[in-house]
Amino acid sequence: MSNLLKIVEQDYLATQKALPDFKAGDTVNVHVKIKEGAKERIQQYQGVVIQRKNSGNGETFTVRKISAGIAVERIFPTMSPFIDKIEVLRRGSVRRARLYYLRDKTGKNARIREKKKAVEPKAKAVVEAK
């Protein structure tokens, strides 16, 4: 029975849209479909990813944001049909997979350093342009 379940799960994962590569510490913007009666709209939820749990169909990730001075955490299933898209705004440089310690921090103490990107030297780019 478990083999059949794995086969069905793999087929489902193959049909799903590809999500960007993100991890704990990254700042993401999640576009969530919200149904209100007959209408459907997209709401953006922007915050820091605190954790990613499980794998496959049951994978979830938790996003934390500060709204009007109150911390709000929301858990999203990765394979949810209600998630329209996920944008990675910033890559965070953290040493943990679970950032629960951010719950105790406020203000500037809750900041996460941005991961630095490799930049090619300007002199090399000028030489190639000529």
N, C-alpha and C. Protein backbone atom coordinates (compact mmCIF):
# COMPACT_ATOMS: atom_id res chain seq x y z
N MET A 1 0.82 -1.20 0.00
CA MET A 1 0.00 0.00 0.00
C MET A 1 0.86 1.26 0.00
N SER A 2 1.96 1.24 0.72
CA SER A 2 2.79 2.43 0.79
C SER A 2 3.45 2.72 -0.56
N ASN A 3 3.76 1.66 -1.34
CA ASN A 3 4.34 1.87 -2.66
C ASN A 3 3.35 2.59 -3.58
N LEU A 4 2.09 2.20 -3.50
CA LEU A 4 1.06 2.84 -4.31
C LEU A 4 0.93 4.32 -3.92
N LEU A 5 0.99 4.59 -2.63
CA LEU A 5 0.90 5.96 -2.15
C LEU A 5 2.07 6.79 -2.66
N LYS A 6 3.26 6.23 -2.65
CA LYS A 6 4.44 6.94 -3.14
C LYS A 6 4.33 7.23 -4.63
N ILE A 7 3.80 6.29 -5.41
CA ILE A 7 3.65 6.48 -6.85
C ILE A 7 2.66 7.62 -7.13
N VAL A 8 1.54 7.62 -6.43
CA VAL A 8 0.53 8.67 -6.61
C VAL A 8 1.11 10.02 -6.21
N GLU A 9 1.87 10.05 -5.12
CA GLU A 9 2.48 11.30 -4.66
C GLU A 9 3.49 11.83 -5.67
N GLN A 10 4.29 10.96 -6.26
CA GLN A 10 5.27 11.38 -7.26
C GLN A 10 4.59 11.93 -8.50
N ASP A 11 3.48 11.30 -8.92
CA ASP A 11 2.74 11.80 -10.08
C ASP A 11 2.17 13.20 -9.79
N TYR A 12 1.67 13.39 -8.57
CA TYR A 12 1.11 14.68 -8.19
C TYR A 12 2.19 15.75 -8.15
N LEU A 13 3.34 15.41 -7.61
CA LEU A 13 4.45 16.37 -7.53
C LEU A 13 4.94 16.76 -8.91
N ALA A 14 4.90 15.82 -9.86
CA ALA A 14 5.37 16.10 -11.22
C ALA A 14 4.44 17.09 -11.93
N THR A 15 3.15 17.07 -11.59
CA THR A 15 2.21 17.97 -12.25
C THR A 15 2.17 19.36 -11.62
N GLN A 16 2.70 19.51 -10.42
CA GLN A 16 2.67 20.80 -9.73
C GLN A 16 3.67 21.78 -10.33
N LYS A 17 3.37 23.07 -10.15
CA LYS A 17 4.27 24.11 -10.66
C LYS A 17 5.55 24.15 -9.81
N ALA A 18 6.61 24.57 -10.45
CA ALA A 18 7.90 24.63 -9.76
C ALA A 18 7.93 25.87 -8.86
N LEU A 19 8.37 25.67 -7.63
CA LEU A 19 8.49 26.77 -6.68
C LEU A 19 9.94 27.22 -6.62
N PRO A 20 10.17 28.48 -6.28
CA PRO A 20 11.56 28.94 -6.17
C PRO A 20 12.25 28.27 -4.99
N ASP A 21 13.56 28.24 -5.05
CA ASP A 21 14.35 27.65 -3.98
C ASP A 21 14.49 28.68 -2.86
N PHE A 22 13.90 28.39 -1.71
CA PHE A 22 14.02 29.28 -0.56
C PHE A 22 14.20 28.44 0.69
N LYS A 23 14.74 29.08 1.73
CA LYS A 23 14.99 28.37 2.98
C LYS A 23 14.74 29.31 4.15
N ALA A 24 14.97 28.83 5.35
CA ALA A 24 14.76 29.65 6.55
C ALA A 24 15.67 30.87 6.51
N GLY A 25 15.13 32.02 6.85
CA GLY A 25 15.89 33.26 6.84
C GLY A 25 15.61 34.12 5.62
N ASP A 26 15.03 33.54 4.58
CA ASP A 26 14.72 34.30 3.37
C ASP A 26 13.43 35.10 3.57
N THR A 27 13.39 36.28 2.98
CA THR A 27 12.17 37.09 2.99
C THR A 27 11.41 36.78 1.72
N VAL A 28 10.16 36.33 1.87
CA VAL A 28 9.36 35.92 0.73
C VAL A 28 8.06 36.71 0.68
N ASN A 29 7.47 36.74 -0.51
CA ASN A 29 6.17 37.33 -0.73
C ASN A 29 5.29 36.22 -1.30
N VAL A 30 4.32 35.76 -0.51
CA VAL A 30 3.46 34.65 -0.91
C VAL A 30 2.14 35.24 -1.42
N HIS A 31 1.77 34.89 -2.64
CA HIS A 31 0.51 35.33 -3.24
C HIS A 31 -0.52 34.23 -2.99
N VAL A 32 -1.51 34.54 -2.14
CA VAL A 32 -2.51 33.56 -1.71
C VAL A 32 -3.86 33.91 -2.31
N LYS A 33 -4.53 32.90 -2.88
CA LYS A 33 -5.88 33.10 -3.41
C LYS A 33 -6.87 33.03 -2.25
N ILE A 34 -7.75 34.03 -2.18
CA ILE A 34 -8.76 34.08 -1.13
C ILE A 34 -10.12 34.16 -1.78
N LYS A 35 -11.02 33.26 -1.35
CA LYS A 35 -12.36 33.22 -1.90
C LYS A 35 -13.31 33.90 -0.92
N GLU A 36 -14.03 34.90 -1.41
CA GLU A 36 -15.02 35.61 -0.61
C GLU A 36 -16.34 35.53 -1.36
N GLY A 37 -17.17 34.59 -0.98
CA GLY A 37 -18.42 34.38 -1.69
C GLY A 37 -18.14 33.84 -3.08
N ALA A 38 -18.61 34.56 -4.11
CA ALA A 38 -18.38 34.15 -5.49
C ALA A 38 -17.10 34.75 -6.04
N LYS A 39 -16.56 35.76 -5.35
CA LYS A 39 -15.36 36.44 -5.84
C LYS A 39 -14.10 35.74 -5.36
N GLU A 40 -13.06 35.91 -6.15
CA GLU A 40 -11.75 35.39 -5.77
C GLU A 40 -10.72 36.48 -6.00
N ARG A 41 -9.86 36.69 -5.01
CA ARG A 41 -8.82 37.69 -5.14
C ARG A 41 -7.51 37.12 -4.63
N ILE A 42 -6.43 37.84 -4.91
CA ILE A 42 -5.11 37.40 -4.48
C ILE A 42 -4.59 38.37 -3.42
N GLN A 43 -4.19 37.82 -2.28
CA GLN A 43 -3.65 38.61 -1.18
C GLN A 43 -2.17 38.28 -1.03
N GLN A 44 -1.35 39.30 -0.84
CA GLN A 44 0.08 39.09 -0.67
C GLN A 44 0.42 39.05 0.82
N TYR A 45 1.24 38.08 1.18
CA TYR A 45 1.68 37.92 2.57
C TYR A 45 3.20 37.91 2.55
N GLN A 46 3.80 38.97 3.07
CA GLN A 46 5.26 39.12 3.01
C GLN A 46 5.85 38.98 4.40
N GLY A 47 6.89 38.16 4.51
CA GLY A 47 7.55 37.98 5.80
C GLY A 47 8.78 37.11 5.68
N VAL A 48 9.33 36.74 6.84
CA VAL A 48 10.54 35.93 6.90
C VAL A 48 10.16 34.48 7.11
N VAL A 49 10.78 33.59 6.34
CA VAL A 49 10.54 32.16 6.51
C VAL A 49 11.25 31.71 7.78
N ILE A 50 10.48 31.15 8.71
CA ILE A 50 11.05 30.68 9.98
C ILE A 50 11.48 29.22 9.87
N GLN A 51 10.73 28.44 9.11
CA GLN A 51 11.06 27.02 8.99
C GLN A 51 10.41 26.41 7.76
N ARG A 52 10.96 25.27 7.35
CA ARG A 52 10.34 24.39 6.36
C ARG A 52 10.27 23.02 6.99
N LYS A 53 9.12 22.36 6.87
CA LYS A 53 8.91 21.06 7.51
C LYS A 53 8.52 20.02 6.48
N ASN A 54 8.91 18.77 6.74
CA ASN A 54 8.52 17.60 5.96
C ASN A 54 9.04 17.67 4.52
N SER A 55 8.53 16.80 3.68
CA SER A 55 8.90 16.80 2.27
C SER A 55 7.75 16.20 1.47
N GLY A 56 7.80 16.36 0.17
CA GLY A 56 6.76 15.81 -0.68
C GLY A 56 5.47 16.60 -0.59
N ASN A 57 4.33 15.87 -0.60
CA ASN A 57 3.03 16.52 -0.55
C ASN A 57 2.75 17.22 0.77
N GLY A 58 3.30 16.69 1.85
CA GLY A 58 3.01 17.23 3.17
C GLY A 58 3.93 18.35 3.60
N GLU A 59 4.73 18.89 2.69
CA GLU A 59 5.69 19.93 3.07
C GLU A 59 4.97 21.24 3.39
N THR A 60 5.42 21.89 4.46
CA THR A 60 4.87 23.19 4.85
C THR A 60 6.01 24.14 5.17
N PHE A 61 5.70 25.43 5.15
CA PHE A 61 6.67 26.43 5.57
C PHE A 61 5.93 27.51 6.36
N THR A 62 6.62 28.08 7.34
CA THR A 62 6.04 29.08 8.22
C THR A 62 6.65 30.44 7.91
N VAL A 63 5.78 31.43 7.72
CA VAL A 63 6.22 32.80 7.42
C VAL A 63 5.79 33.70 8.58
N ARG A 64 6.72 34.52 9.05
CA ARG A 64 6.46 35.44 10.17
C ARG A 64 6.58 36.88 9.69
N LYS A 65 5.60 37.69 10.06
CA LYS A 65 5.66 39.12 9.73
C LYS A 65 5.14 39.92 10.91
N ILE A 66 5.48 41.19 10.92
CA ILE A 66 5.00 42.11 11.95
C ILE A 66 3.94 43.00 11.30
N SER A 67 2.72 42.93 11.82
CA SER A 67 1.62 43.70 11.27
C SER A 67 1.05 44.59 12.38
N ALA A 68 1.20 45.89 12.22
CA ALA A 68 0.72 46.88 13.20
C ALA A 68 1.29 46.61 14.58
N GLY A 69 2.57 46.23 14.64
CA GLY A 69 3.24 45.99 15.91
C GLY A 69 2.96 44.63 16.53
N ILE A 70 2.17 43.81 15.85
CA ILE A 70 1.84 42.48 16.36
C ILE A 70 2.45 41.44 15.42
N ALA A 71 3.14 40.47 15.99
CA ALA A 71 3.76 39.42 15.18
C ALA A 71 2.70 38.41 14.76
N VAL A 72 2.71 38.07 13.46
CA VAL A 72 1.76 37.11 12.91
C VAL A 72 2.56 36.03 12.19
N GLU A 73 2.29 34.77 12.53
CA GLU A 73 2.92 33.65 11.85
C GLU A 73 1.84 32.86 11.13
N ARG A 74 2.14 32.49 9.91
CA ARG A 74 1.18 31.74 9.11
C ARG A 74 1.87 30.54 8.49
N ILE A 75 1.23 29.39 8.55
CA ILE A 75 1.79 28.16 8.01
C ILE A 75 1.12 27.89 6.66
N PHE A 76 1.94 27.71 5.63
CA PHE A 76 1.44 27.44 4.28
C PHE A 76 1.84 26.04 3.85
N PRO A 77 0.91 25.24 3.34
CA PRO A 77 1.30 23.98 2.69
C PRO A 77 1.94 24.32 1.34
N THR A 78 3.07 23.72 1.05
CA THR A 78 3.80 24.06 -0.18
C THR A 78 3.00 23.71 -1.43
N MET A 79 2.30 22.59 -1.41
CA MET A 79 1.57 22.13 -2.59
C MET A 79 0.11 22.59 -2.60
N SER A 80 -0.20 23.62 -1.84
CA SER A 80 -1.57 24.10 -1.76
C SER A 80 -2.01 24.73 -3.07
N PRO A 81 -3.23 24.44 -3.53
CA PRO A 81 -3.73 25.09 -4.74
C PRO A 81 -4.06 26.56 -4.50
N PHE A 82 -4.10 26.99 -3.24
CA PHE A 82 -4.40 28.39 -2.93
C PHE A 82 -3.18 29.29 -3.06
N ILE A 83 -1.99 28.72 -3.16
CA ILE A 83 -0.79 29.53 -3.36
C ILE A 83 -0.63 29.78 -4.84
N ASP A 84 -0.73 31.06 -5.23
CA ASP A 84 -0.59 31.42 -6.64
C ASP A 84 0.88 31.42 -7.05
N LYS A 85 1.72 32.12 -6.27
CA LYS A 85 3.15 32.11 -6.53
C LYS A 85 3.90 32.57 -5.29
N ILE A 86 5.19 32.28 -5.28
CA ILE A 86 6.06 32.68 -4.18
C ILE A 86 7.24 33.43 -4.78
N GLU A 87 7.47 34.65 -4.28
CA GLU A 87 8.61 35.45 -4.73
C GLU A 87 9.63 35.54 -3.60
N VAL A 88 10.89 35.30 -3.91
CA VAL A 88 11.95 35.47 -2.92
C VAL A 88 12.49 36.88 -3.08
N LEU A 89 12.33 37.71 -2.04
CA LEU A 89 12.75 39.10 -2.11
C LEU A 89 14.19 39.28 -1.63
N ARG A 90 14.57 38.59 -0.57
CA ARG A 90 15.92 38.68 0.00
C ARG A 90 16.37 37.31 0.45
N ARG A 91 17.65 37.06 0.32
CA ARG A 91 18.24 35.83 0.84
C ARG A 91 18.89 36.16 2.18
N GLY A 92 18.49 35.45 3.22
CA GLY A 92 19.04 35.70 4.54
C GLY A 92 20.21 34.79 4.85
N SER A 93 21.16 35.31 5.60
CA SER A 93 22.32 34.53 6.02
C SER A 93 22.11 34.10 7.47
N VAL A 94 21.68 32.86 7.67
CA VAL A 94 21.44 32.32 9.01
C VAL A 94 22.13 30.97 9.14
N ARG A 95 22.35 30.55 10.39
CA ARG A 95 23.04 29.29 10.65
C ARG A 95 22.10 28.22 11.20
N ARG A 96 20.84 28.47 11.21
CA ARG A 96 19.86 27.53 11.75
C ARG A 96 18.79 27.22 10.71
N ALA A 97 18.15 26.06 10.87
CA ALA A 97 17.05 25.69 9.99
C ALA A 97 15.71 26.11 10.59
N ARG A 98 15.68 26.31 11.90
CA ARG A 98 14.48 26.75 12.59
C ARG A 98 14.81 28.03 13.34
N LEU A 99 14.12 29.10 13.01
CA LEU A 99 14.45 30.41 13.57
C LEU A 99 13.45 30.83 14.65
N TYR A 100 13.20 29.92 15.59
CA TYR A 100 12.25 30.22 16.66
C TYR A 100 12.74 31.33 17.58
N TYR A 101 14.04 31.55 17.62
CA TYR A 101 14.58 32.59 18.49
C TYR A 101 14.12 33.99 18.07
N LEU A 102 13.63 34.14 16.84
CA LEU A 102 13.14 35.45 16.39
C LEU A 102 11.87 35.86 17.14
N ARG A 103 11.18 34.89 17.73
CA ARG A 103 9.95 35.20 18.47
C ARG A 103 10.24 36.05 19.70
N ASP A 104 11.43 35.89 20.26
CA ASP A 104 11.79 36.64 21.46
C ASP A 104 12.43 37.99 21.14
N LYS A 105 12.80 38.21 19.89
CA LYS A 105 13.49 39.44 19.49
C LYS A 105 12.48 40.45 18.95
N THR A 106 12.79 41.73 19.16
CA THR A 106 11.93 42.79 18.62
C THR A 106 12.80 43.86 17.99
N GLY A 107 12.23 44.60 17.08
CA GLY A 107 12.92 45.74 16.46
C GLY A 107 14.16 45.34 15.69
N LYS A 108 15.25 46.07 15.91
CA LYS A 108 16.47 45.84 15.15
C LYS A 108 17.15 44.53 15.53
N ASN A 109 16.85 44.00 16.71
CA ASN A 109 17.43 42.72 17.11
C ASN A 109 16.90 41.56 16.27
N ALA A 110 15.74 41.75 15.66
CA ALA A 110 15.12 40.68 14.87
C ALA A 110 15.57 40.71 13.42
N ARG A 111 16.52 41.59 13.08
CA ARG A 111 16.98 41.67 11.69
C ARG A 111 17.81 40.45 11.34
N ILE A 112 17.78 40.10 10.07
CA ILE A 112 18.60 39.01 9.54
C ILE A 112 19.53 39.59 8.49
N ARG A 113 20.81 39.25 8.61
CA ARG A 113 21.77 39.75 7.63
C ARG A 113 21.47 39.16 6.26
N GLU A 114 21.71 39.97 5.24
CA GLU A 114 21.47 39.52 3.87
C GLU A 114 22.68 38.76 3.36
N LYS A 115 22.41 37.66 2.65
CA LYS A 115 23.49 36.87 2.09
C LYS A 115 24.13 37.66 0.96
N LYS A 116 25.44 37.73 0.97
CA LYS A 116 26.15 38.51 -0.04
C LYS A 116 26.29 37.70 -1.32
N LYS A 117 26.13 38.38 -2.45
CA LYS A 117 26.25 37.75 -3.75
C LYS A 117 27.65 37.96 -4.29
N ALA A 118 28.11 37.04 -5.09
CA ALA A 118 29.41 37.20 -5.75
C ALA A 118 29.25 38.20 -6.88
N VAL A 119 30.12 39.20 -6.90
CA VAL A 119 30.07 40.24 -7.92
C VAL A 119 31.37 40.21 -8.69
N GLU A 120 31.26 40.22 -10.02
CA GLU A 120 32.49 40.22 -10.81
C GLU A 120 33.10 41.62 -10.84
N PRO A 121 34.40 41.71 -10.94
CA PRO A 121 35.07 43.02 -10.94
C PRO A 121 34.64 43.87 -12.14
N LYS A 122 34.58 45.19 -11.93
CA LYS A 122 34.16 46.10 -13.00
C LYS A 122 35.20 46.19 -14.10
N ALA A 123 36.46 46.09 -13.77
CA ALA A 123 37.53 46.21 -14.78
C ALA A 123 37.41 45.09 -15.81
N LYS A 124 37.07 43.91 -15.37
CA LYS A 124 36.93 42.79 -16.29
C LYS A 124 35.75 43.00 -17.23
N ALA A 125 34.67 43.55 -16.72
CA ALA A 125 33.49 43.79 -17.53
C ALA A 125 33.77 44.86 -18.59
N VAL A 126 34.56 45.87 -18.27
CA VAL A 126 34.89 46.93 -19.22
C VAL A 126 35.77 46.39 -20.34
N VAL A 127 36.71 45.53 -20.01
CA VAL A 127 37.61 44.96 -21.02
C VAL A 127 36.82 44.09 -21.99
N GLU A 128 35.87 43.31 -21.49
CA GLU A 128 35.07 42.45 -22.35
C GLU A 128 34.16 43.25 -23.26
N ALA A 129 33.71 44.42 -22.83
CA ALA A 129 32.80 45.25 -23.62
C ALA A 129 33.50 45.85 -24.84
N LYS A 130 34.81 46.06 -24.76
CA LYS A 130 35.54 46.69 -25.87
C LYS A 130 35.78 45.76 -26.98
